[in-house]
Amino acid sequence: STLSARLSPAAATDGRPSREFQEESLADVER
């Protein structure tokens, strides 16, 4: 399924986020 890629557009090949780190709570990330 292509579902995984759609849900993780920011995932890089090394497993780390491609954008810079931002201070966010888990609730904000979920929202």
PDB file of all heavy atoms in Angstrom:
ATOM      1  N   SER A   1       0.843  -1.193   0.000  1.00  0.00           N
ATOM      2  CA  SER A   1       0.000   0.000   0.000  1.00  0.00           C
ATOM      3  C   SER A   1       0.879   1.243   0.000  1.00  0.00           C
ATOM      4  O   SER A   1       2.007   1.237   0.516  1.00  0.00           O
ATOM      5  CB  SER A   1      -0.898  -0.010   1.232  1.00  0.00           C
ATOM      6  OG  SER A   1      -1.568   1.210   1.363  1.00  0.00           O
ATOM      7  N   THR A   2       0.375   2.310  -0.578  1.00  0.00           N
ATOM      8  CA  THR A   2       1.100   3.593  -0.573  1.00  0.00           C
ATOM      9  C   THR A   2       0.737   4.428   0.634  1.00  0.00           C
ATOM     10  O   THR A   2       1.114   5.586   0.739  1.00  0.00           O
ATOM     11  CB  THR A   2       0.766   4.374  -1.851  1.00  0.00           C
ATOM     12  OG1 THR A   2      -0.655   4.586  -1.906  1.00  0.00           O
ATOM     13  CG2 THR A   2       1.223   3.598  -3.083  1.00  0.00           C
ATOM     14  N   LEU A   3       0.008   3.820   1.576  1.00  0.00           N
ATOM     15  CA  LEU A   3      -0.473   4.545   2.740  1.00  0.00           C
ATOM     16  C   LEU A   3       0.670   5.055   3.600  1.00  0.00           C
ATOM     17  O   LEU A   3       0.639   6.167   4.111  1.00  0.00           O
ATOM     18  CB  LEU A   3      -1.375   3.623   3.560  1.00  0.00           C
ATOM     19  CG  LEU A   3      -2.155   4.258   4.709  1.00  0.00           C
ATOM     20  CD1 LEU A   3      -3.070   5.353   4.204  1.00  0.00           C
ATOM     21  CD2 LEU A   3      -2.963   3.201   5.442  1.00  0.00           C
ATOM     22  N   SER A   4       1.711   4.230   3.752  1.00  0.00           N
ATOM     23  CA  SER A   4       2.822   4.609   4.620  1.00  0.00           C
ATOM     24  C   SER A   4       3.503   5.868   4.132  1.00  0.00           C
ATOM     25  O   SER A   4       3.820   6.772   4.901  1.00  0.00           O
ATOM     26  CB  SER A   4       3.836   3.460   4.698  1.00  0.00           C
ATOM     27  OG  SER A   4       4.921   3.816   5.506  1.00  0.00           O
ATOM     28  N   ALA A   5       3.718   5.977   2.836  1.00  0.00           N
ATOM     29  CA  ALA A   5       4.390   7.162   2.290  1.00  0.00           C
ATOM     30  C   ALA A   5       3.536   8.407   2.451  1.00  0.00           C
ATOM     31  O   ALA A   5       4.039   9.499   2.719  1.00  0.00           O
ATOM     32  CB  ALA A   5       4.716   6.930   0.819  1.00  0.00           C
ATOM     33  N   ARG A   6       2.202   8.243   2.320  1.00  0.00           N
ATOM     34  CA  ARG A   6       1.325   9.394   2.451  1.00  0.00           C
ATOM     35  C   ARG A   6       1.282   9.906   3.885  1.00  0.00           C
ATOM     36  O   ARG A   6       1.165  11.105   4.124  1.00  0.00           O
ATOM     37  CB  ARG A   6      -0.083   9.025   2.004  1.00  0.00           C
ATOM     38  CG  ARG A   6      -0.186   8.725   0.511  1.00  0.00           C
ATOM     39  CD  ARG A   6      -1.599   8.349   0.136  1.00  0.00           C
ATOM     40  NE  ARG A   6      -1.695   8.039  -1.291  1.00  0.00           N
ATOM     41  CZ  ARG A   6      -2.822   7.650  -1.882  1.00  0.00           C
ATOM     42  NH1 ARG A   6      -3.930   7.509  -1.163  1.00  0.00           N
ATOM     43  NH2 ARG A   6      -2.837   7.390  -3.179  1.00  0.00           N
ATOM     44  N   LEU A   7       1.371   8.975   4.833  1.00  0.00           N
ATOM     45  CA  LEU A   7       1.311   9.379   6.228  1.00  0.00           C
ATOM     46  C   LEU A   7       2.640   9.915   6.736  1.00  0.00           C
ATOM     47  O   LEU A   7       2.693  10.547   7.774  1.00  0.00           O
ATOM     48  CB  LEU A   7       0.873   8.198   7.091  1.00  0.00           C
ATOM     49  CG  LEU A   7      -0.578   7.739   6.894  1.00  0.00           C
ATOM     50  CD1 LEU A   7      -0.875   6.566   7.808  1.00  0.00           C
ATOM     51  CD2 LEU A   7      -1.551   8.870   7.132  1.00  0.00           C
ATOM     52  N   SER A   8       3.720   9.661   6.034  1.00  0.00           N
ATOM     53  CA  SER A   8       5.048  10.098   6.494  1.00  0.00           C
ATOM     54  C   SER A   8       5.760  10.868   5.381  1.00  0.00           C
ATOM     55  O   SER A   8       6.805  10.460   4.909  1.00  0.00           O
ATOM     56  CB  SER A   8       5.876   8.894   6.936  1.00  0.00           C
ATOM     57  OG  SER A   8       5.174   8.178   7.920  1.00  0.00           O
ATOM     58  N   PRO A   9       5.191  11.989   4.927  1.00  0.00           N
ATOM     59  CA  PRO A   9       5.832  12.713   3.822  1.00  0.00           C
ATOM     60  C   PRO A   9       7.146  13.352   4.210  1.00  0.00           C
ATOM     61  O   PRO A   9       7.988  13.624   3.372  1.00  0.00           O
ATOM     62  CB  PRO A   9       4.780  13.771   3.474  1.00  0.00           C
ATOM     63  CG  PRO A   9       4.012  13.979   4.751  1.00  0.00           C
ATOM     64  CD  PRO A   9       3.985  12.676   5.411  1.00  0.00           C
ATOM     65  N   ALA A  10       7.334  13.537   5.536  1.00  0.00           N
ATOM     66  CA  ALA A  10       8.555  14.221   5.965  1.00  0.00           C
ATOM     67  C   ALA A  10       9.671  13.266   6.305  1.00  0.00           C
ATOM     68  O   ALA A  10      10.756  13.675   6.697  1.00  0.00           O
ATOM     69  CB  ALA A  10       8.254  15.105   7.175  1.00  0.00           C
ATOM     70  N   ALA A  11       9.418  11.993   6.197  1.00  0.00           N
ATOM     71  CA  ALA A  11      10.441  11.017   6.582  1.00  0.00           C
ATOM     72  C   ALA A  11      11.532  10.961   5.539  1.00  0.00           C
ATOM     73  O   ALA A  11      11.278  10.843   4.350  1.00  0.00           O
ATOM     74  CB  ALA A  11       9.789   9.649   6.735  1.00  0.00           C
ATOM     75  N   ALA A  12      12.756  11.009   5.968  1.00  0.00           N
ATOM     76  CA  ALA A  12      13.911  10.919   5.076  1.00  0.00           C
ATOM     77  C   ALA A  12      14.411   9.495   5.061  1.00  0.00           C
ATOM     78  O   ALA A  12      13.985   8.655   5.829  1.00  0.00           O
ATOM     79  CB  ALA A  12      15.013  11.870   5.547  1.00  0.00           C
ATOM     80  N   THR A  13      15.371   9.208   4.191  1.00  0.00           N
ATOM     81  CA  THR A  13      15.870   7.844   4.065  1.00  0.00           C
ATOM     82  C   THR A  13      16.642   7.419   5.284  1.00  0.00           C
ATOM     83  O   THR A  13      16.766   6.225   5.551  1.00  0.00           O
ATOM     84  CB  THR A  13      16.779   7.740   2.833  1.00  0.00           C
ATOM     85  OG1 THR A  13      17.827   8.713   2.946  1.00  0.00           O
ATOM     86  CG2 THR A  13      15.998   7.998   1.565  1.00  0.00           C
ATOM     87  N   ASP A  14      17.165   8.376   6.062  1.00  0.00           N
ATOM     88  CA  ASP A  14      17.912   7.985   7.260  1.00  0.00           C
ATOM     89  C   ASP A  14      17.024   7.880   8.486  1.00  0.00           C
ATOM     90  O   ASP A  14      17.517   7.664   9.589  1.00  0.00           O
ATOM     91  CB  ASP A  14      19.047   8.982   7.533  1.00  0.00           C
ATOM     92  CG  ASP A  14      18.516  10.388   7.761  1.00  0.00           C
ATOM     93  OD1 ASP A  14      17.278  10.573   7.633  1.00  0.00           O
ATOM     94  OD2 ASP A  14      19.314  11.289   8.068  1.00  0.00           O
ATOM     95  N   GLY A  15      15.713   8.039   8.295  1.00  0.00           N
ATOM     96  CA  GLY A  15      14.782   7.860   9.414  1.00  0.00           C
ATOM     97  C   GLY A  15      14.610   9.102  10.258  1.00  0.00           C
ATOM     98  O   GLY A  15      13.887   9.094  11.241  1.00  0.00           O
ATOM     99  N   ARG A  16      15.273  10.269   9.908  1.00  0.00           N
ATOM    100  CA  ARG A  16      15.133  11.478  10.714  1.00  0.00           C
ATOM    101  C   ARG A  16      14.278  12.498   9.975  1.00  0.00           C
ATOM    102  O   ARG A  16      14.215  12.487   8.746  1.00  0.00           O
ATOM    103  CB  ARG A  16      16.504  12.079  11.005  1.00  0.00           C
ATOM    104  CG  ARG A  16      17.366  11.209  11.901  1.00  0.00           C
ATOM    105  CD  ARG A  16      18.734  11.803  12.082  1.00  0.00           C
ATOM    106  NE  ARG A  16      19.442  11.866  10.810  1.00  0.00           N
ATOM    107  CZ  ARG A  16      20.629  12.427  10.674  1.00  0.00           C
ATOM    108  NH1 ARG A  16      21.230  12.964  11.714  1.00  0.00           N
ATOM    109  NH2 ARG A  16      21.209  12.452   9.497  1.00  0.00           N
ATOM    110  N   PRO A  17      13.605  13.411  10.664  1.00  0.00           N
ATOM    111  CA  PRO A  17      12.787  14.423  10.001  1.00  0.00           C
ATOM    112  C   PRO A  17      13.643  15.269   9.060  1.00  0.00           C
ATOM    113  O   PRO A  17      14.787  15.596   9.361  1.00  0.00           O
ATOM    114  CB  PRO A  17      12.232  15.255  11.160  1.00  0.00           C
ATOM    115  CG  PRO A  17      12.345  14.375  12.362  1.00  0.00           C
ATOM    116  CD  PRO A  17      13.553  13.527  12.127  1.00  0.00           C
ATOM    117  N   SER A  18      13.070  15.630   7.921  1.00  0.00           N
ATOM    118  CA  SER A  18      13.818  16.417   6.935  1.00  0.00           C
ATOM    119  C   SER A  18      13.791  17.897   7.259  1.00  0.00           C
ATOM    120  O   SER A  18      14.616  18.663   6.774  1.00  0.00           O
ATOM    121  CB  SER A  18      13.231  16.189   5.537  1.00  0.00           C
ATOM    122  OG  SER A  18      11.856  16.549   5.517  1.00  0.00           O
ATOM    123  N   ARG A  19      12.798  18.314   8.080  1.00  0.00           N
ATOM    124  CA  ARG A  19      12.739  19.725   8.432  1.00  0.00           C
ATOM    125  C   ARG A  19      13.396  19.944   9.786  1.00  0.00           C
ATOM    126  O   ARG A  19      13.650  19.004  10.526  1.00  0.00           O
ATOM    127  CB  ARG A  19      11.293  20.212   8.446  1.00  0.00           C
ATOM    128  CG  ARG A  19      10.363  19.433   9.381  1.00  0.00           C
ATOM    129  CD  ARG A  19       8.914  19.850   9.142  1.00  0.00           C
ATOM    130  NE  ARG A  19       8.003  19.068   9.947  1.00  0.00           N
ATOM    131  CZ  ARG A  19       7.587  19.405  11.162  1.00  0.00           C
ATOM    132  NH1 ARG A  19       8.070  20.524  11.732  1.00  0.00           N
ATOM    133  NH2 ARG A  19       6.749  18.650  11.830  1.00  0.00           N
ATOM    134  N   GLU A  20      13.639  21.204  10.110  1.00  0.00           N
ATOM    135  CA  GLU A  20      14.301  21.531  11.364  1.00  0.00           C
ATOM    136  C   GLU A  20      13.383  21.235  12.543  1.00  0.00           C
ATOM    137  O   GLU A  20      12.165  21.267  12.429  1.00  0.00           O
ATOM    138  CB  GLU A  20      14.701  23.009  11.376  1.00  0.00           C
ATOM    139  CG  GLU A  20      15.762  23.364  10.332  1.00  0.00           C
ATOM    140  CD  GLU A  20      16.153  24.820  10.426  1.00  0.00           C
ATOM    141  OE1 GLU A  20      15.570  25.530  11.294  1.00  0.00           O
ATOM    142  OE2 GLU A  20      17.014  25.245   9.662  1.00  0.00           O
ATOM    143  N   PHE A  21      13.998  20.974  13.681  1.00  0.00           N
ATOM    144  CA  PHE A  21      13.251  20.641  14.885  1.00  0.00           C
ATOM    145  C   PHE A  21      12.464  21.847  15.369  1.00  0.00           C
ATOM    146  O   PHE A  21      12.953  22.974  15.367  1.00  0.00           O
ATOM    147  CB  PHE A  21      14.212  20.184  15.984  1.00  0.00           C
ATOM    148  CG  PHE A  21      13.541  19.982  17.316  1.00  0.00           C
ATOM    149  CD1 PHE A  21      12.746  18.870  17.529  1.00  0.00           C
ATOM    150  CD2 PHE A  21      13.678  20.927  18.329  1.00  0.00           C
ATOM    151  CE1 PHE A  21      12.124  18.687  18.749  1.00  0.00           C
ATOM    152  CE2 PHE A  21      13.049  20.737  19.539  1.00  0.00           C
ATOM    153  CZ  PHE A  21      12.271  19.608  19.754  1.00  0.00           C
ATOM    154  N   GLN A  22      11.229  21.591  15.811  1.00  0.00           N
ATOM    155  CA  GLN A  22      10.390  22.627  16.384  1.00  0.00           C
ATOM    156  C   GLN A  22       9.878  22.151  17.730  1.00  0.00           C
ATOM    157  O   GLN A  22       9.548  20.977  17.906  1.00  0.00           O
ATOM    158  CB  GLN A  22       9.197  22.936  15.471  1.00  0.00           C
ATOM    159  CG  GLN A  22       9.605  23.495  14.117  1.00  0.00           C
ATOM    160  CD  GLN A  22       8.386  23.805  13.244  1.00  0.00           C
ATOM    161  OE1 GLN A  22       7.253  23.647  13.680  1.00  0.00           O
ATOM    162  NE2 GLN A  22       8.634  24.265  12.025  1.00  0.00           N
ATOM    163  N   GLU A  23       9.817  23.045  18.666  1.00  0.00           N
ATOM    164  CA  GLU A  23       9.318  22.699  19.989  1.00  0.00           C
ATOM    165  C   GLU A  23       7.796  22.604  19.947  1.00  0.00           C
ATOM    166  O   GLU A  23       7.107  23.618  19.885  1.00  0.00           O
ATOM    167  CB  GLU A  23       9.758  23.741  21.024  1.00  0.00           C
ATOM    168  CG  GLU A  23      11.255  23.754  21.279  1.00  0.00           C
ATOM    169  CD  GLU A  23      11.625  24.705  22.409  1.00  0.00           C
ATOM    170  OE1 GLU A  23      10.690  25.287  23.011  1.00  0.00           O
ATOM    171  OE2 GLU A  23      12.808  24.845  22.683  1.00  0.00           O
ATOM    172  N   GLU A  24       7.275  21.364  20.000  1.00  0.00           N
ATOM    173  CA  GLU A  24       5.841  21.117  19.962  1.00  0.00           C
ATOM    174  C   GLU A  24       5.510  19.997  20.944  1.00  0.00           C
ATOM    175  O   GLU A  24       6.283  19.048  21.097  1.00  0.00           O
ATOM    176  CB  GLU A  24       5.368  20.693  18.563  1.00  0.00           C
ATOM    177  CG  GLU A  24       5.454  21.786  17.512  1.00  0.00           C
ATOM    178  CD  GLU A  24       4.969  21.281  16.166  1.00  0.00           C
ATOM    179  OE1 GLU A  24       5.575  20.325  15.647  1.00  0.00           O
ATOM    180  OE2 GLU A  24       3.988  21.827  15.648  1.00  0.00           O
ATOM    181  N   SER A  25       4.360  20.118  21.584  1.00  0.00           N
ATOM    182  CA  SER A  25       3.902  19.043  22.470  1.00  0.00           C
ATOM    183  C   SER A  25       3.348  17.894  21.625  1.00  0.00           C
ATOM    184  O   SER A  25       3.018  18.067  20.437  1.00  0.00           O
ATOM    185  CB  SER A  25       2.816  19.553  23.421  1.00  0.00           C
ATOM    186  OG  SER A  25       1.645  19.888  22.689  1.00  0.00           O
ATOM    187  N   LEU A  26       3.234  16.752  22.265  1.00  0.00           N
ATOM    188  CA  LEU A  26       2.701  15.590  21.559  1.00  0.00           C
ATOM    189  C   LEU A  26       1.262  15.843  21.130  1.00  0.00           C
ATOM    190  O   LEU A  26       0.838  15.417  20.050  1.00  0.00           O
ATOM    191  CB  LEU A  26       2.774  14.354  22.467  1.00  0.00           C
ATOM    192  CG  LEU A  26       2.394  13.012  21.824  1.00  0.00           C
ATOM    193  CD1 LEU A  26       3.304  12.708  20.644  1.00  0.00           C
ATOM    194  CD2 LEU A  26       2.469  11.888  22.850  1.00  0.00           C
ATOM    195  N   ALA A  27       0.501  16.570  21.973  1.00  0.00           N
ATOM    196  CA  ALA A  27      -0.881  16.884  21.617  1.00  0.00           C
ATOM    197  C   ALA A  27      -0.937  17.776  20.381  1.00  0.00           C
ATOM    198  O   ALA A  27      -1.801  17.601  19.503  1.00  0.00           O
ATOM    199  CB  ALA A  27      -1.584  17.560  22.789  1.00  0.00           C
ATOM    200  N   ASP A  28       0.005  18.746  20.301  1.00  0.00           N
ATOM    201  CA  ASP A  28       0.030  19.616  19.122  1.00  0.00           C
ATOM    202  C   ASP A  28       0.362  18.818  17.867  1.00  0.00           C
ATOM    203  O   ASP A  28      -0.205  19.057  16.793  1.00  0.00           O
ATOM    204  CB  ASP A  28       1.060  20.741  19.321  1.00  0.00           C
ATOM    205  CG  ASP A  28       0.627  21.733  20.391  1.00  0.00           C
ATOM    206  OD1 ASP A  28      -0.598  21.824  20.635  1.00  0.00           O
ATOM    207  OD2 ASP A  28       1.505  22.398  20.985  1.00  0.00           O
ATOM    208  N   VAL A  29       1.327  17.862  18.017  1.00  0.00           N
ATOM    209  CA  VAL A  29       1.688  17.036  16.863  1.00  0.00           C
ATOM    210  C   VAL A  29       0.490  16.197  16.421  1.00  0.00           C
ATOM    211  O   VAL A  29       0.189  16.087  15.225  1.00  0.00           O
ATOM    212  CB  VAL A  29       2.892  16.132  17.207  1.00  0.00           C
ATOM    213  CG1 VAL A  29       3.166  15.149  16.077  1.00  0.00           C
ATOM    214  CG2 VAL A  29       4.134  16.984  17.478  1.00  0.00           C
ATOM    215  N   GLU A  30      -0.208  15.617  17.390  1.00  0.00           N
ATOM    216  CA  GLU A  30      -1.368  14.793  17.055  1.00  0.00           C
ATOM    217  C   GLU A  30      -2.454  15.640  16.409  1.00  0.00           C
ATOM    218  O   GLU A  30      -3.051  15.251  15.399  1.00  0.00           O
ATOM    219  CB  GLU A  30      -1.917  14.112  18.312  1.00  0.00           C
ATOM    220  CG  GLU A  30      -3.095  13.174  18.021  1.00  0.00           C
ATOM    221  CD  GLU A  30      -3.639  12.517  19.261  1.00  0.00           C
ATOM    222  OE1 GLU A  30      -3.923  13.248  20.241  1.00  0.00           O
ATOM    223  OE2 GLU A  30      -3.803  11.282  19.254  1.00  0.00           O
ATOM    224  N   ARG A  31      -2.700  16.821  16.959  1.00  0.00           N
ATOM    225  CA  ARG A  31      -3.740  17.705  16.407  1.00  0.00           C
ATOM    226  C   ARG A  31      -3.397  18.099  14.980  1.00  0.00           C
ATOM    227  O   ARG A  31      -4.244  18.042  14.074  1.00  0.00           O
ATOM    228  CB  ARG A  31      -3.872  18.946  17.293  1.00  0.00           C
ATOM    229  CG  ARG A  31      -4.912  19.955  16.822  1.00  0.00           C
ATOM    230  CD  ARG A  31      -4.991  21.117  17.815  1.00  0.00           C
ATOM    231  NE  ARG A  31      -6.005  22.066  17.444  1.00  0.00           N
ATOM    232  CZ  ARG A  31      -5.849  23.037  16.541  1.00  0.00           C
ATOM    233  NH1 ARG A  31      -4.664  23.180  15.924  1.00  0.00           N
ATOM    234  NH2 ARG A  31      -6.844  23.869  16.253  1.00  0.00           N
TER     235      ARG A  31
END
